[in-house]
Amino acid sequence: MEPTAPPARRTRRAVLLVPALLAAAAVAFLAQRPLGRRGGWTGWVGTVNGVVFLAAAALPVAVLVVWALARRRRAAGAGAGWARRSALAEVGLVYGTVPWVWMILLPGADPGGPRRRVNLVPLHDIAEVVSAGPPVTAVVQVVGNMLVFAAFGFLAPVRFAALASVWRVLALGAAGSVLVETAQYVLRLDRVSSVDDVLLNAVGAALAALASRRWWRGRTA
């Protein structure tokens, strides 16, 4: 049996928070980092601004995919509310997560070099960022890390009954962050693999799950 869908208007407002958060983060990144001077494809796929612009350009495609998925599921016999909600959640989950992971896997100044930086002391990097730079930089760094798996935390419990738990979302957010930080280290991207990033990523996912709790609380598989 399909889960009972909430009213369509509330569902749309909930899922639209994902592109809204992404847009807000894009503005913050663009304010902090003027458009880079790298040319060719490197300027698009190898810079933060390039990823932000590509994500914005992909929004119409994401909307089209939502429409196609919902229409296909309705044709297969699913209820209109559930077809729309599941399509929005699935596409929003991917659209709201991939650009962030892409950005944090961008190489630093000396990719492939011998330097591998690891910090396993909790809260050390956060304290350093807060004390070293202006407040806006610290806010962008902290909030940006919390948004990496926010779309997953917000939408996964809405779509999948098995993930309708803040603790499960927290654990999966932490696991995904550990994989990303490990990839930074293994691929020699000249980035800091930090336990603070794992903490912020996981907490961001959990807080996002709490924000969407009214849409998944009490769901049955």
C-alpha atoms as a PDB file:
ATOM      1  CA  MET A   1       0.000   0.000   0.000  1.00  0.00           C
ATOM      2  CA  GLU A   2       1.296   3.445  -0.909  1.00  0.00           C
ATOM      3  CA  PRO A   3       1.839   5.905   1.947  1.00  0.00           C
ATOM      4  CA  THR A   4      -0.905   8.442   2.445  1.00  0.00           C
ATOM      5  CA  ALA A   5       0.160  11.669   0.768  1.00  0.00           C
ATOM      6  CA  PRO A   6      -0.146  14.996   2.613  1.00  0.00           C
ATOM      7  CA  PRO A   7      -1.976  17.895   0.982  1.00  0.00           C
ATOM      8  CA  ALA A   8      -0.330  18.819  -2.303  1.00  0.00           C
ATOM      9  CA  ARG A   9       0.265  22.433  -1.357  1.00  0.00           C
ATOM     10  CA  ARG A  10       2.187  21.606   1.814  1.00  0.00           C
ATOM     11  CA  THR A  11       4.236  18.995  -0.035  1.00  0.00           C
ATOM     12  CA  ARG A  12       5.248  21.428  -2.758  1.00  0.00           C
ATOM     13  CA  ARG A  13       6.258  24.052  -0.216  1.00  0.00           C
ATOM     14  CA  ALA A  14       8.326  21.507   1.697  1.00  0.00           C
ATOM     15  CA  VAL A  15      10.223  20.243  -1.333  1.00  0.00           C
ATOM     16  CA  LEU A  16      10.737  23.726  -2.765  1.00  0.00           C
ATOM     17  CA  LEU A  17      12.858  24.499   0.286  1.00  0.00           C
ATOM     18  CA  VAL A  18      15.673  22.492  -1.361  1.00  0.00           C
ATOM     19  CA  PRO A  19      16.225  24.773  -4.386  1.00  0.00           C
ATOM     20  CA  ALA A  20      15.637  27.765  -2.102  1.00  0.00           C
ATOM     21  CA  LEU A  21      18.455  26.658   0.192  1.00  0.00           C
ATOM     22  CA  LEU A  22      20.675  25.959  -2.800  1.00  0.00           C
ATOM     23  CA  ALA A  23      19.959  29.406  -4.214  1.00  0.00           C
ATOM     24  CA  ALA A  24      20.766  31.057  -0.890  1.00  0.00           C
ATOM     25  CA  ALA A  25      24.015  29.131  -0.664  1.00  0.00           C
ATOM     26  CA  ALA A  26      24.847  30.072  -4.261  1.00  0.00           C
ATOM     27  CA  VAL A  27      24.466  33.753  -3.432  1.00  0.00           C
ATOM     28  CA  ALA A  28      26.734  33.321  -0.414  1.00  0.00           C
ATOM     29  CA  PHE A  29      29.408  31.543  -2.441  1.00  0.00           C
ATOM     30  CA  LEU A  30      29.277  34.077  -5.257  1.00  0.00           C
ATOM     31  CA  ALA A  31      29.585  36.918  -2.746  1.00  0.00           C
ATOM     32  CA  GLN A  32      32.679  35.291  -1.254  1.00  0.00           C
ATOM     33  CA  ARG A  33      34.325  34.142  -4.472  1.00  0.00           C
ATOM     34  CA  PRO A  34      34.220  36.339  -7.586  1.00  0.00           C
ATOM     35  CA  LEU A  35      34.045  34.538 -10.888  1.00  0.00           C
ATOM     36  CA  GLY A  36      37.344  32.797 -11.495  1.00  0.00           C
ATOM     37  CA  ARG A  37      39.721  33.452 -14.392  1.00  0.00           C
ATOM     38  CA  ARG A  38      40.192  29.845 -15.443  1.00  0.00           C
ATOM     39  CA  GLY A  39      39.225  29.279 -19.020  1.00  0.00           C
ATOM     40  CA  GLY A  40      37.596  26.436 -20.934  1.00  0.00           C
ATOM     41  CA  TRP A  41      35.870  23.560 -19.202  1.00  0.00           C
ATOM     42  CA  THR A  42      38.055  23.947 -16.125  1.00  0.00           C
ATOM     43  CA  GLY A  43      36.311  27.217 -15.335  1.00  0.00           C
ATOM     44  CA  TRP A  44      32.948  25.441 -15.354  1.00  0.00           C
ATOM     45  CA  VAL A  45      33.612  22.062 -13.748  1.00  0.00           C
ATOM     46  CA  GLY A  46      36.716  22.868 -11.714  1.00  0.00           C
ATOM     47  CA  THR A  47      35.617  25.936  -9.756  1.00  0.00           C
ATOM     48  CA  VAL A  48      32.982  26.573  -7.109  1.00  0.00           C
ATOM     49  CA  ASN A  49      31.287  29.265  -9.176  1.00  0.00           C
ATOM     50  CA  GLY A  50      31.251  26.989 -12.205  1.00  0.00           C
ATOM     51  CA  VAL A  51      29.482  24.256 -10.249  1.00  0.00           C
ATOM     52  CA  VAL A  52      26.979  26.785  -8.875  1.00  0.00           C
ATOM     53  CA  PHE A  53      26.174  28.081 -12.359  1.00  0.00           C
ATOM     54  CA  LEU A  54      25.838  24.560 -13.770  1.00  0.00           C
ATOM     55  CA  ALA A  55      23.494  23.613 -10.932  1.00  0.00           C
ATOM     56  CA  ALA A  56      21.353  26.669 -11.620  1.00  0.00           C
ATOM     57  CA  ALA A  57      21.297  25.839 -15.341  1.00  0.00           C
ATOM     58  CA  ALA A  58      20.213  22.276 -14.532  1.00  0.00           C
ATOM     59  CA  LEU A  59      17.152  23.412 -12.567  1.00  0.00           C
ATOM     60  CA  PRO A  60      14.775  23.389 -15.586  1.00  0.00           C
ATOM     61  CA  VAL A  61      15.983  19.879 -16.425  1.00  0.00           C
ATOM     62  CA  ALA A  62      15.298  18.780 -12.852  1.00  0.00           C
ATOM     63  CA  VAL A  63      11.775  20.214 -13.044  1.00  0.00           C
ATOM     64  CA  LEU A  64      11.182  18.342 -16.317  1.00  0.00           C
ATOM     65  CA  VAL A  65      12.387  15.084 -14.766  1.00  0.00           C
ATOM     66  CA  VAL A  66      10.010  15.569 -11.828  1.00  0.00           C
ATOM     67  CA  TRP A  67       7.114  16.072 -14.211  1.00  0.00           C
ATOM     68  CA  ALA A  68       8.044  13.012 -16.300  1.00  0.00           C
ATOM     69  CA  LEU A  69       8.467  10.753 -13.258  1.00  0.00           C
ATOM     70  CA  ALA A  70       5.199  11.872 -11.714  1.00  0.00           C
ATOM     71  CA  ARG A  71       3.337  11.368 -14.977  1.00  0.00           C
ATOM     72  CA  ARG A  72       4.824   7.908 -15.438  1.00  0.00           C
ATOM     73  CA  ARG A  73       3.843   6.852 -11.925  1.00  0.00           C
ATOM     74  CA  ARG A  74       0.329   8.153 -12.332  1.00  0.00           C
ATOM     75  CA  ALA A  75       0.049   6.185 -15.560  1.00  0.00           C
ATOM     76  CA  ALA A  76       1.195   3.097 -13.627  1.00  0.00           C
ATOM     77  CA  GLY A  77      -1.662   3.516 -11.167  1.00  0.00           C
ATOM     78  CA  ALA A  78      -0.116   5.519  -8.314  1.00  0.00           C
ATOM     79  CA  GLY A  79      -2.142   8.237  -6.659  1.00  0.00           C
ATOM     80  CA  ALA A  80      -1.563  11.740  -7.961  1.00  0.00           C
ATOM     81  CA  GLY A  81      -0.340  13.039  -4.600  1.00  0.00           C
ATOM     82  CA  TRP A  82       2.132  10.222  -4.002  1.00  0.00           C
ATOM     83  CA  ALA A  83       3.387  10.281  -7.616  1.00  0.00           C
ATOM     84  CA  ARG A  84       4.125  13.981  -7.374  1.00  0.00           C
ATOM     85  CA  ARG A  85       5.607  13.819  -3.893  1.00  0.00           C
ATOM     86  CA  SER A  86       7.896  10.858  -4.601  1.00  0.00           C
ATOM     87  CA  ALA A  87       9.146  12.403  -7.845  1.00  0.00           C
ATOM     88  CA  LEU A  88       9.868  15.743  -6.167  1.00  0.00           C
ATOM     89  CA  ALA A  89      11.652  14.037  -3.281  1.00  0.00           C
ATOM     90  CA  GLU A  90      13.840  11.812  -5.452  1.00  0.00           C
ATOM     91  CA  VAL A  91      14.905  14.510  -7.886  1.00  0.00           C
ATOM     92  CA  GLY A  92      15.323  17.099  -5.139  1.00  0.00           C
ATOM     93  CA  LEU A  93      17.479  14.717  -3.131  1.00  0.00           C
ATOM     94  CA  VAL A  94      19.881  14.257  -6.032  1.00  0.00           C
ATOM     95  CA  TYR A  95      19.758  17.859  -7.224  1.00  0.00           C
ATOM     96  CA  GLY A  96      20.354  19.224  -3.743  1.00  0.00           C
ATOM     97  CA  THR A  97      23.250  16.901  -2.884  1.00  0.00           C
ATOM     98  CA  VAL A  98      25.386  16.309  -5.983  1.00  0.00           C
ATOM     99  CA  PRO A  99      26.548  19.940  -6.446  1.00  0.00           C
ATOM    100  CA  TRP A 100      27.724  20.119  -2.827  1.00  0.00           C
ATOM    101  CA  VAL A 101      29.660  16.872  -3.018  1.00  0.00           C
ATOM    102  CA  TRP A 102      31.105  18.026  -6.332  1.00  0.00           C
ATOM    103  CA  MET A 103      32.322  21.273  -4.767  1.00  0.00           C
ATOM    104  CA  ILE A 104      34.005  19.659  -1.780  1.00  0.00           C
ATOM    105  CA  LEU A 105      35.774  17.219  -4.095  1.00  0.00           C
ATOM    106  CA  LEU A 106      37.301  20.007  -6.157  1.00  0.00           C
ATOM    107  CA  PRO A 107      41.115  19.914  -5.925  1.00  0.00           C
ATOM    108  CA  GLY A 108      43.113  22.473  -3.967  1.00  0.00           C
ATOM    109  CA  ALA A 109      46.198  24.373  -5.095  1.00  0.00           C
ATOM    110  CA  ASP A 110      48.480  21.323  -5.336  1.00  0.00           C
ATOM    111  CA  PRO A 111      46.436  18.255  -6.324  1.00  0.00           C
ATOM    112  CA  GLY A 112      48.383  15.030  -6.620  1.00  0.00           C
ATOM    113  CA  GLY A 113      51.205  16.353  -4.463  1.00  0.00           C
ATOM    114  CA  PRO A 114      52.721  14.589  -1.480  1.00  0.00           C
ATOM    115  CA  ARG A 115      50.869  16.683   1.092  1.00  0.00           C
ATOM    116  CA  ARG A 116      47.900  14.985   2.776  1.00  0.00           C
ATOM    117  CA  ARG A 117      46.261  16.974   5.542  1.00  0.00           C
ATOM    118  CA  VAL A 118      44.129  15.276   8.169  1.00  0.00           C
ATOM    119  CA  ASN A 119      42.603  16.727  11.313  1.00  0.00           C
ATOM    120  CA  LEU A 120      41.026  14.294  13.783  1.00  0.00           C
ATOM    121  CA  VAL A 121      40.647  16.755  16.677  1.00  0.00           C
ATOM    122  CA  PRO A 122      36.950  17.618  17.089  1.00  0.00           C
ATOM    123  CA  LEU A 123      36.002  21.311  16.838  1.00  0.00           C
ATOM    124  CA  HIS A 124      39.605  22.387  16.093  1.00  0.00           C
ATOM    125  CA  ASP A 125      38.911  23.520  12.520  1.00  0.00           C
ATOM    126  CA  ILE A 126      35.655  25.221  13.495  1.00  0.00           C
ATOM    127  CA  ALA A 127      37.383  27.216  16.222  1.00  0.00           C
ATOM    128  CA  GLU A 128      40.178  28.135  13.826  1.00  0.00           C
ATOM    129  CA  VAL A 129      37.780  29.383  11.153  1.00  0.00           C
ATOM    130  CA  VAL A 130      35.770  31.396  13.676  1.00  0.00           C
ATOM    131  CA  SER A 131      38.867  33.033  15.192  1.00  0.00           C
ATOM    132  CA  ALA A 132      40.839  33.600  11.986  1.00  0.00           C
ATOM    133  CA  GLY A 133      38.441  35.255   9.599  1.00  0.00           C
ATOM    134  CA  PRO A 134      35.580  37.777   9.517  1.00  0.00           C
ATOM    135  CA  PRO A 135      32.204  36.546  10.837  1.00  0.00           C
ATOM    136  CA  VAL A 136      30.646  36.239   7.383  1.00  0.00           C
ATOM    137  CA  THR A 137      33.401  33.857   6.264  1.00  0.00           C
ATOM    138  CA  ALA A 138      32.924  31.687   9.339  1.00  0.00           C
ATOM    139  CA  VAL A 139      29.159  31.594   8.789  1.00  0.00           C
ATOM    140  CA  VAL A 140      29.565  30.636   5.125  1.00  0.00           C
ATOM    141  CA  GLN A 141      32.037  27.871   6.007  1.00  0.00           C
ATOM    142  CA  VAL A 142      29.939  26.390   8.804  1.00  0.00           C
ATOM    143  CA  VAL A 143      26.556  26.723   7.109  1.00  0.00           C
ATOM    144  CA  GLY A 144      27.982  25.492   3.805  1.00  0.00           C
ATOM    145  CA  ASN A 145      29.205  22.306   5.465  1.00  0.00           C
ATOM    146  CA  MET A 146      25.834  21.811   7.132  1.00  0.00           C
ATOM    147  CA  LEU A 147      24.067  22.075   3.773  1.00  0.00           C
ATOM    148  CA  VAL A 148      26.103  19.337   2.053  1.00  0.00           C
ATOM    149  CA  PHE A 149      23.671  16.565   3.031  1.00  0.00           C
ATOM    150  CA  ALA A 150      20.737  18.796   4.009  1.00  0.00           C
ATOM    151  CA  ALA A 151      18.719  17.855   0.923  1.00  0.00           C
ATOM    152  CA  PHE A 152      19.239  14.192   1.735  1.00  0.00           C
ATOM    153  CA  GLY A 153      18.226  14.739   5.346  1.00  0.00           C
ATOM    154  CA  PHE A 154      15.133  16.720   4.383  1.00  0.00           C
ATOM    155  CA  LEU A 155      13.827  14.552   1.559  1.00  0.00           C
ATOM    156  CA  ALA A 156      14.992  10.982   2.195  1.00  0.00           C
ATOM    157  CA  PRO A 157      12.597  10.449   5.133  1.00  0.00           C
ATOM    158  CA  VAL A 158       9.751  11.948   3.074  1.00  0.00           C
ATOM    159  CA  ARG A 159      10.375   9.497   0.260  1.00  0.00           C
ATOM    160  CA  PHE A 160      11.546   6.365   2.087  1.00  0.00           C
ATOM    161  CA  ALA A 161       9.689   5.134   5.158  1.00  0.00           C
ATOM    162  CA  ALA A 162      12.746   3.141   6.266  1.00  0.00           C
ATOM    163  CA  LEU A 163      14.664   6.423   6.672  1.00  0.00           C
ATOM    164  CA  ALA A 164      11.945   8.174   8.693  1.00  0.00           C
ATOM    165  CA  SER A 165      14.247   8.551  11.692  1.00  0.00           C
ATOM    166  CA  VAL A 166      16.501  11.432  12.670  1.00  0.00           C
ATOM    167  CA  TRP A 167      19.081   8.999  14.063  1.00  0.00           C
ATOM    168  CA  ARG A 168      19.209   7.005  10.835  1.00  0.00           C
ATOM    169  CA  VAL A 169      19.601  10.177   8.806  1.00  0.00           C
ATOM    170  CA  LEU A 170      22.336  11.352  11.178  1.00  0.00           C
ATOM    171  CA  ALA A 171      24.181   8.034  10.809  1.00  0.00           C
ATOM    172  CA  LEU A 172      23.875   8.000   7.012  1.00  0.00           C
ATOM    173  CA  GLY A 173      24.934  11.646   6.788  1.00  0.00           C
ATOM    174  CA  ALA A 174      28.013  10.859   8.861  1.00  0.00           C
ATOM    175  CA  ALA A 175      28.780   7.784   6.746  1.00  0.00           C
ATOM    176  CA  GLY A 176      28.463   9.746   3.514  1.00  0.00           C
ATOM    177  CA  SER A 177      30.694  12.485   4.888  1.00  0.00           C
ATOM    178  CA  VAL A 178      33.339   9.959   5.953  1.00  0.00           C
ATOM    179  CA  LEU A 179      33.361   8.588   2.406  1.00  0.00           C
ATOM    180  CA  VAL A 180      33.838  12.073   0.953  1.00  0.00           C
ATOM    181  CA  GLU A 181      36.596  12.970   3.394  1.00  0.00           C
ATOM    182  CA  THR A 182      38.311   9.649   2.661  1.00  0.00           C
ATOM    183  CA  ALA A 183      38.080  10.357  -1.061  1.00  0.00           C
ATOM    184  CA  GLN A 184      39.746  13.732  -0.514  1.00  0.00           C
ATOM    185  CA  TYR A 185      42.620  11.982   1.209  1.00  0.00           C
ATOM    186  CA  VAL A 186      42.977   9.022  -1.168  1.00  0.00           C
ATOM    187  CA  LEU A 187      42.755  11.152  -4.321  1.00  0.00           C
ATOM    188  CA  ARG A 188      45.354  13.642  -2.998  1.00  0.00           C
ATOM    189  CA  LEU A 189      43.121  16.643  -3.649  1.00  0.00           C
ATOM    190  CA  ASP A 190      45.180  18.927  -1.398  1.00  0.00           C
ATOM    191  CA  ARG A 191      42.227  19.447   0.918  1.00  0.00           C
ATOM    192  CA  VAL A 192      41.933  18.923   4.665  1.00  0.00           C
ATOM    193  CA  SER A 193      40.139  15.720   5.636  1.00  0.00           C
ATOM    194  CA  SER A 194      38.598  16.892   8.882  1.00  0.00           C
ATOM    195  CA  VAL A 195      36.435  15.313  11.556  1.00  0.00           C
ATOM    196  CA  ASP A 196      34.725  18.698  11.911  1.00  0.00           C
ATOM    197  CA  ASP A 197      33.436  18.413   8.348  1.00  0.00           C
ATOM    198  CA  VAL A 198      31.918  15.038   9.232  1.00  0.00           C
ATOM    199  CA  LEU A 199      30.278  16.510  12.324  1.00  0.00           C
ATOM    200  CA  LEU A 200      28.833  19.487  10.453  1.00  0.00           C
ATOM    201  CA  ASN A 201      27.649  17.389   7.508  1.00  0.00           C
ATOM    202  CA  ALA A 202      25.910  14.895   9.790  1.00  0.00           C
ATOM    203  CA  VAL A 203      24.335  17.552  12.015  1.00  0.00           C
ATOM    204  CA  GLY A 204      23.099  19.434   8.956  1.00  0.00           C
ATOM    205  CA  ALA A 205      21.414  16.284   7.641  1.00  0.00           C
ATOM    206  CA  ALA A 206      19.795  15.610  11.023  1.00  0.00           C
ATOM    207  CA  LEU A 207      18.509  19.179  11.392  1.00  0.00           C
ATOM    208  CA  ALA A 208      17.066  19.039   7.893  1.00  0.00           C
ATOM    209  CA  ALA A 209      15.295  15.799   8.807  1.00  0.00           C
ATOM    210  CA  LEU A 210      13.811  17.511  11.843  1.00  0.00           C
ATOM    211  CA  ALA A 211      12.639  20.363   9.612  1.00  0.00           C
ATOM    212  CA  SER A 212      10.674  17.948   7.407  1.00  0.00           C
ATOM    213  CA  ARG A 213       9.413  15.777  10.270  1.00  0.00           C
ATOM    214  CA  ARG A 214       5.803  16.910   9.930  1.00  0.00           C
ATOM    215  CA  TRP A 215       5.715  15.356   6.438  1.00  0.00           C
ATOM    216  CA  TRP A 216       7.143  11.957   7.403  1.00  0.00           C
ATOM    217  CA  ARG A 217       6.301  11.443  11.065  1.00  0.00           C
ATOM    218  CA  GLY A 218       4.089   8.415  11.558  1.00  0.00           C
ATOM    219  CA  ARG A 219       4.521   7.113   8.011  1.00  0.00           C
ATOM    220  CA  THR A 220       4.254   3.416   7.368  1.00  0.00           C
ATOM    221  CA  ALA A 221       6.122   1.435   4.715  1.00  0.00           C
END
